[in-house]
Amino acid sequence: MAHDSKIPVYATALIDQAITNQEKAYIYHQVEWATDAQGKYADAIAFYTQAIEIKQAIFYPNDAGLAASYSGIGLVYDEMGDNLNGLSSHQKSIEIYEQSSTSNNPHLATSYDSIGLVYSKIGDHSNALLFH
């Protein structure tokens, strides 16, 4: 799509107009997905990192939205083949989901599955089975 390269430009304009940090975090979260879908992994990681920093400042440490960002950044690392960072991000996501008030969140299962897939990719099939 010809307009894909303008996503960071539009995102910056939206972020500048956002009134609250919660609005900024939401915008970053949407842009993360768009840049990841385009295969612009470095940009996606930068947007995820910014969203995480904002969410850490405005949400409780066990907020499911924060866990979702860690899960998302883990998936980007997975797509890049960066298994160690992917694994670390998925583990952080699980820690937060398990402490959140929504510990039965269906995304928790997705994070466990993602860890299983990382272990499978690196040939650690015993641990992969534990997480699937």
N, C-alpha and C. Protein backbone atom coordinates (compact mmCIF):
# COMPACT_ATOMS: atom_id res chain seq x y z
N MET A 1 0.84 -1.17 0.00
CA MET A 1 0.00 0.00 0.00
C MET A 1 0.89 1.24 0.00
N ALA A 2 0.60 2.20 -0.83
CA ALA A 2 1.43 3.38 -1.00
C ALA A 2 1.47 4.26 0.25
N HIS A 3 0.43 4.23 1.03
CA HIS A 3 0.36 5.10 2.20
C HIS A 3 0.98 4.48 3.44
N ASP A 4 1.42 3.22 3.34
CA ASP A 4 1.99 2.54 4.50
C ASP A 4 3.18 3.29 5.08
N SER A 5 3.99 3.90 4.23
CA SER A 5 5.18 4.59 4.71
C SER A 5 4.84 5.84 5.52
N LYS A 6 3.60 6.27 5.45
CA LYS A 6 3.19 7.47 6.17
C LYS A 6 2.65 7.17 7.57
N ILE A 7 2.59 5.90 7.93
CA ILE A 7 2.06 5.53 9.24
C ILE A 7 2.80 6.25 10.37
N PRO A 8 4.15 6.24 10.39
CA PRO A 8 4.82 6.97 11.48
C PRO A 8 4.52 8.47 11.49
N VAL A 9 4.34 9.05 10.31
CA VAL A 9 4.02 10.48 10.23
C VAL A 9 2.65 10.74 10.83
N TYR A 10 1.67 9.94 10.44
CA TYR A 10 0.32 10.10 10.98
C TYR A 10 0.30 9.80 12.48
N ALA A 11 1.03 8.78 12.87
CA ALA A 11 1.07 8.42 14.29
C ALA A 11 1.64 9.55 15.12
N THR A 12 2.72 10.15 14.64
CA THR A 12 3.33 11.26 15.37
C THR A 12 2.35 12.42 15.50
N ALA A 13 1.62 12.70 14.44
CA ALA A 13 0.62 13.78 14.49
C ALA A 13 -0.47 13.46 15.51
N LEU A 14 -0.93 12.22 15.51
CA LEU A 14 -1.97 11.82 16.47
C LEU A 14 -1.46 11.87 17.91
N ILE A 15 -0.24 11.41 18.10
CA ILE A 15 0.34 11.41 19.44
C ILE A 15 0.50 12.84 19.95
N ASP A 16 0.93 13.73 19.07
CA ASP A 16 1.07 15.14 19.46
C ASP A 16 -0.27 15.76 19.85
N GLN A 17 -1.35 15.27 19.27
CA GLN A 17 -2.68 15.81 19.56
C GLN A 17 -3.36 15.10 20.73
N ALA A 18 -2.82 13.98 21.14
CA ALA A 18 -3.43 13.23 22.24
C ALA A 18 -3.36 14.06 23.52
N ILE A 19 -4.43 14.02 24.26
CA ILE A 19 -4.51 14.82 25.49
C ILE A 19 -3.97 14.04 26.68
N THR A 20 -4.31 12.77 26.77
CA THR A 20 -3.90 11.98 27.93
C THR A 20 -2.86 10.93 27.53
N ASN A 21 -2.13 10.46 28.51
CA ASN A 21 -1.17 9.39 28.26
C ASN A 21 -1.88 8.11 27.85
N GLN A 22 -3.09 7.91 28.33
CA GLN A 22 -3.85 6.73 27.94
C GLN A 22 -4.15 6.76 26.43
N GLU A 23 -4.49 7.94 25.91
CA GLU A 23 -4.71 8.07 24.47
C GLU A 23 -3.42 7.79 23.71
N LYS A 24 -2.30 8.30 24.21
CA LYS A 24 -1.02 8.06 23.56
C LYS A 24 -0.69 6.57 23.54
N ALA A 25 -0.90 5.90 24.66
CA ALA A 25 -0.62 4.47 24.73
C ALA A 25 -1.47 3.71 23.72
N TYR A 26 -2.73 4.10 23.58
CA TYR A 26 -3.62 3.45 22.62
C TYR A 26 -3.11 3.65 21.19
N ILE A 27 -2.68 4.87 20.87
CA ILE A 27 -2.17 5.15 19.52
C ILE A 27 -0.92 4.32 19.26
N TYR A 28 0.01 4.32 20.21
CA TYR A 28 1.21 3.51 20.04
C TYR A 28 0.85 2.04 19.81
N HIS A 29 -0.12 1.56 20.56
CA HIS A 29 -0.53 0.16 20.43
C HIS A 29 -1.05 -0.13 19.01
N GLN A 30 -1.82 0.77 18.46
CA GLN A 30 -2.34 0.57 17.10
C GLN A 30 -1.23 0.63 16.06
N VAL A 31 -0.30 1.55 16.25
CA VAL A 31 0.80 1.70 15.30
C VAL A 31 1.74 0.50 15.36
N GLU A 32 1.91 -0.08 16.56
CA GLU A 32 2.75 -1.27 16.69
C GLU A 32 2.26 -2.35 15.75
N TRP A 33 0.95 -2.58 15.79
CA TRP A 33 0.38 -3.63 14.95
C TRP A 33 0.59 -3.33 13.47
N ALA A 34 0.38 -2.09 13.08
CA ALA A 34 0.51 -1.73 11.67
C ALA A 34 1.94 -1.90 11.18
N THR A 35 2.91 -1.45 11.97
CA THR A 35 4.30 -1.57 11.53
C THR A 35 4.77 -3.02 11.55
N ASP A 36 4.30 -3.80 12.50
CA ASP A 36 4.64 -5.22 12.54
C ASP A 36 4.08 -5.92 11.31
N ALA A 37 2.84 -5.62 10.97
CA ALA A 37 2.20 -6.25 9.81
C ALA A 37 2.95 -5.93 8.52
N GLN A 38 3.61 -4.79 8.48
CA GLN A 38 4.39 -4.40 7.30
C GLN A 38 5.77 -5.03 7.29
N GLY A 39 6.13 -5.70 8.37
CA GLY A 39 7.46 -6.28 8.46
C GLY A 39 8.51 -5.28 8.91
N LYS A 40 8.09 -4.13 9.39
CA LYS A 40 9.02 -3.11 9.89
C LYS A 40 9.24 -3.35 11.38
N TYR A 41 9.99 -4.40 11.64
CA TYR A 41 10.12 -4.89 13.00
C TYR A 41 10.81 -3.90 13.94
N ALA A 42 11.85 -3.23 13.47
CA ALA A 42 12.53 -2.26 14.34
C ALA A 42 11.58 -1.14 14.74
N ASP A 43 10.77 -0.67 13.79
CA ASP A 43 9.78 0.37 14.10
C ASP A 43 8.74 -0.17 15.08
N ALA A 44 8.29 -1.40 14.85
CA ALA A 44 7.28 -1.99 15.73
C ALA A 44 7.82 -2.10 17.15
N ILE A 45 9.06 -2.54 17.29
CA ILE A 45 9.66 -2.65 18.63
C ILE A 45 9.77 -1.28 19.28
N ALA A 46 10.13 -0.27 18.51
CA ALA A 46 10.23 1.09 19.07
C ALA A 46 8.87 1.56 19.57
N PHE A 47 7.81 1.31 18.79
CA PHE A 47 6.47 1.73 19.21
C PHE A 47 5.99 0.92 20.42
N TYR A 48 6.26 -0.39 20.43
CA TYR A 48 5.90 -1.21 21.59
C TYR A 48 6.61 -0.71 22.84
N THR A 49 7.89 -0.40 22.70
CA THR A 49 8.68 0.08 23.84
C THR A 49 8.11 1.38 24.38
N GLN A 50 7.73 2.30 23.48
CA GLN A 50 7.14 3.56 23.92
C GLN A 50 5.80 3.32 24.61
N ALA A 51 5.01 2.42 24.06
CA ALA A 51 3.72 2.10 24.68
C ALA A 51 3.91 1.50 26.06
N ILE A 52 4.88 0.61 26.20
CA ILE A 52 5.16 -0.01 27.50
C ILE A 52 5.58 1.04 28.51
N GLU A 53 6.44 1.97 28.11
CA GLU A 53 6.88 3.02 29.03
C GLU A 53 5.70 3.86 29.51
N ILE A 54 4.80 4.20 28.61
CA ILE A 54 3.63 4.99 28.99
C ILE A 54 2.72 4.17 29.89
N LYS A 55 2.47 2.91 29.51
CA LYS A 55 1.58 2.06 30.31
C LYS A 55 2.14 1.82 31.70
N GLN A 56 3.46 1.70 31.82
CA GLN A 56 4.07 1.51 33.14
C GLN A 56 3.84 2.74 34.02
N ALA A 57 3.77 3.90 33.40
CA ALA A 57 3.57 5.14 34.15
C ALA A 57 2.12 5.36 34.56
N ILE A 58 1.17 4.85 33.76
CA ILE A 58 -0.24 5.18 34.03
C ILE A 58 -1.07 4.01 34.54
N PHE A 59 -0.62 2.78 34.35
CA PHE A 59 -1.39 1.63 34.77
C PHE A 59 -0.74 0.97 35.99
N TYR A 60 -1.51 0.11 36.63
CA TYR A 60 -0.95 -0.72 37.69
C TYR A 60 0.05 -1.69 37.07
N PRO A 61 1.04 -2.14 37.84
CA PRO A 61 2.04 -3.06 37.28
C PRO A 61 1.46 -4.38 36.80
N ASN A 62 0.24 -4.71 37.24
CA ASN A 62 -0.37 -5.98 36.83
C ASN A 62 -1.52 -5.77 35.85
N ASP A 63 -1.50 -4.67 35.10
CA ASP A 63 -2.57 -4.37 34.16
C ASP A 63 -2.45 -5.26 32.91
N ALA A 64 -3.57 -5.82 32.49
CA ALA A 64 -3.58 -6.71 31.32
C ALA A 64 -3.14 -5.99 30.05
N GLY A 65 -3.37 -4.69 29.96
CA GLY A 65 -2.92 -3.94 28.79
C GLY A 65 -1.41 -3.91 28.67
N LEU A 66 -0.75 -3.84 29.80
CA LEU A 66 0.71 -3.89 29.82
C LEU A 66 1.19 -5.28 29.39
N ALA A 67 0.52 -6.30 29.89
CA ALA A 67 0.86 -7.67 29.50
C ALA A 67 0.69 -7.87 27.99
N ALA A 68 -0.35 -7.27 27.43
CA ALA A 68 -0.59 -7.40 25.98
C ALA A 68 0.55 -6.79 25.18
N SER A 69 1.08 -5.68 25.65
CA SER A 69 2.21 -5.06 24.94
C SER A 69 3.45 -5.94 25.01
N TYR A 70 3.71 -6.53 26.18
CA TYR A 70 4.85 -7.45 26.28
C TYR A 70 4.66 -8.66 25.38
N SER A 71 3.45 -9.16 25.31
CA SER A 71 3.16 -10.29 24.42
C SER A 71 3.39 -9.89 22.97
N GLY A 72 2.91 -8.71 22.61
CA GLY A 72 3.07 -8.23 21.24
C GLY A 72 4.52 -8.04 20.85
N ILE A 73 5.30 -7.44 21.73
CA ILE A 73 6.71 -7.25 21.41
C ILE A 73 7.41 -8.60 21.32
N GLY A 74 6.96 -9.55 22.14
CA GLY A 74 7.51 -10.90 22.05
C GLY A 74 7.26 -11.54 20.70
N LEU A 75 6.06 -11.32 20.16
CA LEU A 75 5.74 -11.85 18.84
C LEU A 75 6.60 -11.22 17.75
N VAL A 76 6.89 -9.93 17.88
CA VAL A 76 7.76 -9.27 16.91
C VAL A 76 9.16 -9.88 16.98
N TYR A 77 9.67 -10.05 18.20
CA TYR A 77 10.98 -10.69 18.34
C TYR A 77 10.96 -12.09 17.74
N ASP A 78 9.86 -12.82 17.93
CA ASP A 78 9.73 -14.16 17.35
C ASP A 78 9.84 -14.10 15.83
N GLU A 79 9.15 -13.13 15.24
CA GLU A 79 9.18 -12.99 13.78
C GLU A 79 10.58 -12.65 13.29
N MET A 80 11.36 -11.95 14.10
CA MET A 80 12.72 -11.58 13.74
C MET A 80 13.70 -12.73 13.96
N GLY A 81 13.25 -13.78 14.65
CA GLY A 81 14.15 -14.88 14.98
C GLY A 81 14.98 -14.62 16.22
N ASP A 82 14.63 -13.58 16.98
CA ASP A 82 15.34 -13.23 18.21
C ASP A 82 14.67 -13.97 19.37
N ASN A 83 15.01 -15.24 19.49
CA ASN A 83 14.32 -16.13 20.44
C ASN A 83 14.49 -15.72 21.90
N LEU A 84 15.67 -15.26 22.27
CA LEU A 84 15.90 -14.91 23.68
C LEU A 84 15.05 -13.72 24.11
N ASN A 85 15.01 -12.67 23.30
CA ASN A 85 14.17 -11.52 23.64
C ASN A 85 12.69 -11.87 23.54
N GLY A 86 12.35 -12.70 22.58
CA GLY A 86 10.96 -13.14 22.46
C GLY A 86 10.52 -13.91 23.70
N LEU A 87 11.35 -14.84 24.12
CA LEU A 87 11.06 -15.64 25.31
C LEU A 87 10.92 -14.76 26.55
N SER A 88 11.84 -13.83 26.71
CA SER A 88 11.81 -12.92 27.86
C SER A 88 10.53 -12.09 27.88
N SER A 89 10.13 -11.59 26.72
CA SER A 89 8.91 -10.77 26.64
C SER A 89 7.67 -11.59 26.94
N HIS A 90 7.60 -12.80 26.41
CA HIS A 90 6.45 -13.67 26.68
C HIS A 90 6.38 -14.03 28.17
N GLN A 91 7.54 -14.28 28.77
CA GLN A 91 7.56 -14.60 30.20
C GLN A 91 7.07 -13.42 31.03
N LYS A 92 7.48 -12.21 30.66
CA LYS A 92 7.02 -11.01 31.36
C LYS A 92 5.51 -10.87 31.20
N SER A 93 5.00 -11.15 30.02
CA SER A 93 3.57 -11.09 29.76
C SER A 93 2.82 -12.05 30.69
N ILE A 94 3.32 -13.27 30.81
CA ILE A 94 2.68 -14.26 31.68
C ILE A 94 2.70 -13.82 33.13
N GLU A 95 3.83 -13.29 33.59
CA GLU A 95 3.92 -12.81 34.97
C GLU A 95 2.83 -11.78 35.26
N ILE A 96 2.65 -10.86 34.33
CA ILE A 96 1.65 -9.80 34.53
C ILE A 96 0.24 -10.36 34.46
N TYR A 97 -0.04 -11.18 33.45
CA TYR A 97 -1.38 -11.77 33.34
C TYR A 97 -1.74 -12.56 34.60
N GLU A 98 -0.78 -13.32 35.12
CA GLU A 98 -1.06 -14.14 36.30
C GLU A 98 -1.32 -13.29 37.55
N GLN A 99 -0.78 -12.10 37.59
CA GLN A 99 -0.99 -11.21 38.73
C GLN A 99 -2.19 -10.28 38.54
N SER A 100 -2.70 -10.22 37.33
CA SER A 100 -3.79 -9.28 37.05
C SER A 100 -5.12 -9.79 37.59
N SER A 101 -6.05 -8.87 37.66
CA SER A 101 -7.39 -9.24 38.13
C SER A 101 -8.12 -10.11 37.11
N THR A 102 -7.57 -10.18 35.91
CA THR A 102 -8.16 -11.01 34.86
C THR A 102 -7.22 -12.19 34.57
N SER A 103 -6.87 -12.92 35.63
CA SER A 103 -5.91 -14.02 35.47
C SER A 103 -6.46 -15.15 34.60
N ASN A 104 -7.75 -15.12 34.31
CA ASN A 104 -8.32 -16.11 33.39
C ASN A 104 -8.42 -15.54 31.98
N ASN A 105 -7.66 -14.50 31.71
CA ASN A 105 -7.64 -13.85 30.41
C ASN A 105 -7.21 -14.87 29.34
N PRO A 106 -7.95 -14.97 28.24
CA PRO A 106 -7.58 -15.94 27.20
C PRO A 106 -6.22 -15.65 26.57
N HIS A 107 -5.75 -14.42 26.69
CA HIS A 107 -4.44 -14.09 26.14
C HIS A 107 -3.31 -14.74 26.94
N LEU A 108 -3.60 -15.12 28.17
CA LEU A 108 -2.61 -15.83 28.97
C LEU A 108 -2.25 -17.15 28.29
N ALA A 109 -3.25 -17.85 27.79
CA ALA A 109 -3.01 -19.11 27.08
C ALA A 109 -2.17 -18.87 25.83
N THR A 110 -2.42 -17.77 25.16
CA THR A 110 -1.65 -17.43 23.96
C THR A 110 -0.18 -17.21 24.32
N SER A 111 0.06 -16.54 25.43
CA SER A 111 1.44 -16.30 25.86
C SER A 111 2.15 -17.61 26.19
N TYR A 112 1.44 -18.52 26.87
CA TYR A 112 2.03 -19.84 27.14
C TYR A 112 2.36 -20.56 25.84
N ASP A 113 1.44 -20.50 24.89
CA ASP A 113 1.66 -21.15 23.60
C ASP A 113 2.87 -20.53 22.89
N SER A 114 2.98 -19.21 22.96
CA SER A 114 4.11 -18.53 22.31
C SER A 114 5.44 -18.98 22.90
N ILE A 115 5.48 -19.16 24.21
CA ILE A 115 6.70 -19.66 24.84
C ILE A 115 6.99 -21.08 24.36
N GLY A 116 5.95 -21.90 24.27
CA GLY A 116 6.14 -23.25 23.75
C GLY A 116 6.71 -23.26 22.34
N LEU A 117 6.23 -22.34 21.52
CA LEU A 117 6.74 -22.24 20.15
C LEU A 117 8.20 -21.81 20.11
N VAL A 118 8.57 -20.88 20.97
CA VAL A 118 9.97 -20.45 21.02
C VAL A 118 10.86 -21.63 21.43
N TYR A 119 10.46 -22.34 22.47
CA TYR A 119 11.25 -23.51 22.89
C TYR A 119 11.35 -24.54 21.77
N SER A 120 10.27 -24.72 21.04
CA SER A 120 10.29 -25.65 19.92
C SER A 120 11.28 -25.20 18.85
N LYS A 121 11.29 -23.90 18.55
CA LYS A 121 12.21 -23.35 17.54
C LYS A 121 13.67 -23.57 17.91
N ILE A 122 13.97 -23.49 19.20
CA ILE A 122 15.37 -23.64 19.60
C ILE A 122 15.72 -25.09 19.92
N GLY A 123 14.77 -25.99 19.70
CA GLY A 123 15.04 -27.41 19.85
C GLY A 123 14.89 -27.94 21.27
N ASP A 124 14.33 -27.14 22.16
CA ASP A 124 14.12 -27.58 23.55
C ASP A 124 12.70 -28.13 23.65
N HIS A 125 12.52 -29.34 23.16
CA HIS A 125 11.19 -29.92 23.04
C HIS A 125 10.56 -30.29 24.39
N SER A 126 11.39 -30.59 25.38
CA SER A 126 10.84 -30.89 26.71
C SER A 126 10.13 -29.68 27.28
N ASN A 127 10.77 -28.51 27.21
CA ASN A 127 10.12 -27.29 27.69
C ASN A 127 8.97 -26.89 26.78
N ALA A 128 9.11 -27.14 25.49
CA ALA A 128 8.02 -26.80 24.57
C ALA A 128 6.74 -27.53 24.97
N LEU A 129 6.87 -28.80 25.33
CA LEU A 129 5.70 -29.58 25.75
C LEU A 129 5.08 -29.04 27.03
N LEU A 130 5.89 -28.51 27.92
CA LEU A 130 5.38 -27.96 29.18
C LEU A 130 4.49 -26.74 28.95
N PHE A 131 4.75 -26.02 27.89
CA PHE A 131 4.02 -24.77 27.66
C PHE A 131 2.88 -24.90 26.65
N HIS A 132 2.81 -26.02 25.96
CA HIS A 132 1.70 -26.20 24.99
C HIS A 132 0.53 -26.85 25.66
